[in-house]
Amino acid sequence: MGMPQRLLEILAEAAADAREAELWYEEHSAQAATDFVIQLKRGIKKVVEAPLRWPKHKYGTRRYRLDKFPYLIVYRVHSDRIRVMAFQHARRRESFWRHRGKQ
């Protein structure tokens, strides 16, 4: 048995990022929107299974890049949880999510 799995926490702002992206794809193609959601769920599953596998990035985060879509899952690994900070378009700057989740 491996280490106990960490709790997944998705910030409300990050959930809104994902919804916004899904709606954008929906306007262009229902299939693209469906594929985006599938890739997002697959990415989250991979991050939860092995959170330390993906490269370190700014502000103590790590990033997982989706297959086929220019989106990153930006997250922090804590001892007891994985906190998703943002679902970031790959060309967008980090500044929009940098101050999220301050405790």
Protein backbone atom coordinates (compact mmCIF):
# COMPACT_ATOMS: atom_id res chain seq x y z
CA MET A 1 0.00 0.00 0.00
CA GLY A 2 1.21 3.51 -0.85
CA MET A 3 0.78 6.66 1.15
CA PRO A 4 -2.76 7.58 2.13
CA GLN A 5 -4.41 9.60 -0.56
CA ARG A 6 -4.64 13.33 0.06
CA LEU A 7 -7.97 15.12 0.09
CA LEU A 8 -8.74 17.01 -3.12
CA GLU A 9 -9.76 20.63 -2.65
CA ILE A 10 -10.76 22.73 -5.65
CA LEU A 11 -11.07 26.42 -4.92
CA ALA A 12 -14.37 27.95 -6.00
CA GLU A 13 -12.48 30.31 -8.30
CA ALA A 14 -10.77 27.35 -9.95
CA ALA A 15 -14.12 25.62 -10.47
CA ALA A 16 -15.32 28.86 -12.10
CA ASP A 17 -12.25 28.82 -14.40
CA ALA A 18 -13.14 25.31 -15.53
CA ARG A 19 -16.79 26.21 -16.11
CA GLU A 20 -15.81 29.31 -18.09
CA ALA A 21 -13.53 27.22 -20.32
CA GLU A 22 -16.18 24.55 -20.76
CA LEU A 23 -18.74 27.20 -21.81
CA TRP A 24 -16.25 28.70 -24.27
CA TYR A 25 -15.73 25.29 -25.88
CA GLU A 26 -19.50 24.67 -25.80
CA GLU A 27 -20.05 27.77 -27.95
CA HIS A 28 -17.72 26.33 -30.56
CA SER A 29 -18.50 22.63 -30.36
CA ALA A 30 -20.47 20.40 -28.01
CA GLN A 31 -17.95 17.62 -28.69
CA ALA A 32 -15.02 19.89 -27.79
CA ALA A 33 -16.74 20.82 -24.51
CA THR A 34 -17.31 17.14 -23.70
CA ASP A 35 -13.71 16.26 -24.58
CA PHE A 36 -12.44 19.15 -22.44
CA VAL A 37 -14.35 17.92 -19.38
CA ILE A 38 -13.09 14.36 -19.94
CA GLN A 39 -9.48 15.60 -20.17
CA LEU A 40 -9.95 17.79 -17.10
CA LYS A 41 -11.26 14.87 -15.02
CA ARG A 42 -8.47 12.61 -16.29
CA GLY A 43 -5.88 15.26 -15.37
CA ILE A 44 -7.31 15.71 -11.87
CA LYS A 45 -7.25 11.93 -11.36
CA LYS A 46 -3.58 11.79 -12.43
CA VAL A 47 -2.67 14.68 -10.12
CA VAL A 48 -4.43 13.02 -7.17
CA GLU A 49 -2.73 9.67 -7.88
CA ALA A 50 0.79 11.16 -8.06
CA PRO A 51 0.82 14.85 -7.07
CA LEU A 52 4.60 15.11 -6.84
CA ARG A 53 5.16 13.78 -10.37
CA TRP A 54 4.37 17.06 -12.14
CA PRO A 55 6.90 19.89 -12.35
CA LYS A 56 7.31 22.54 -9.69
CA HIS A 57 6.32 26.04 -10.70
CA LYS A 58 5.95 29.50 -9.16
CA TYR A 59 4.51 30.29 -5.72
CA GLY A 60 4.90 26.72 -4.43
CA THR A 61 2.63 25.27 -7.09
CA ARG A 62 2.91 22.43 -9.55
CA ARG A 63 1.33 22.23 -12.98
CA TYR A 64 -0.22 19.46 -15.02
CA ARG A 65 -0.87 20.19 -18.70
CA LEU A 66 -4.00 18.68 -20.23
CA ASP A 67 -3.72 16.48 -23.31
CA LYS A 68 -5.15 18.13 -26.43
CA PHE A 69 -6.16 21.37 -24.69
CA PRO A 70 -3.99 24.40 -23.81
CA TYR A 71 -4.92 24.26 -20.13
CA LEU A 72 -2.94 23.70 -16.96
CA ILE A 73 -4.13 22.36 -13.64
CA VAL A 74 -2.30 24.56 -11.14
CA TYR A 75 -2.17 23.07 -7.65
CA ARG A 76 -0.35 23.00 -4.34
CA VAL A 77 0.48 19.85 -2.44
CA HIS A 78 -0.08 20.02 1.33
CA SER A 79 0.54 17.22 3.80
CA ASP A 80 -3.15 16.31 3.93
CA ARG A 81 -4.58 17.64 0.67
CA ILE A 82 -4.09 18.78 -2.88
CA ARG A 83 -5.47 22.25 -3.44
CA VAL A 84 -6.31 23.18 -7.03
CA MET A 85 -5.65 26.91 -7.35
CA ALA A 86 -6.64 27.40 -10.98
CA PHE A 87 -7.42 25.86 -14.30
CA GLN A 88 -5.23 28.18 -16.33
CA HIS A 89 -5.12 28.68 -20.07
CA ALA A 90 -1.50 28.02 -21.03
CA ARG A 91 -1.09 31.52 -22.49
CA ARG A 92 -2.55 33.34 -19.51
CA ARG A 93 -0.34 34.85 -16.81
CA GLU A 94 -0.33 33.48 -13.26
CA SER A 95 -1.25 36.84 -11.75
CA PHE A 96 -4.97 36.13 -12.00
CA TRP A 97 -4.82 33.28 -9.48
CA ARG A 98 -1.74 34.16 -7.43
CA HIS A 99 -3.63 35.47 -4.39
CA ARG A 100 -6.27 32.75 -4.26
CA GLY A 101 -6.67 30.55 -1.23
CA LYS A 102 -4.78 32.75 1.21
CA GLN A 103 -5.65 31.62 4.71
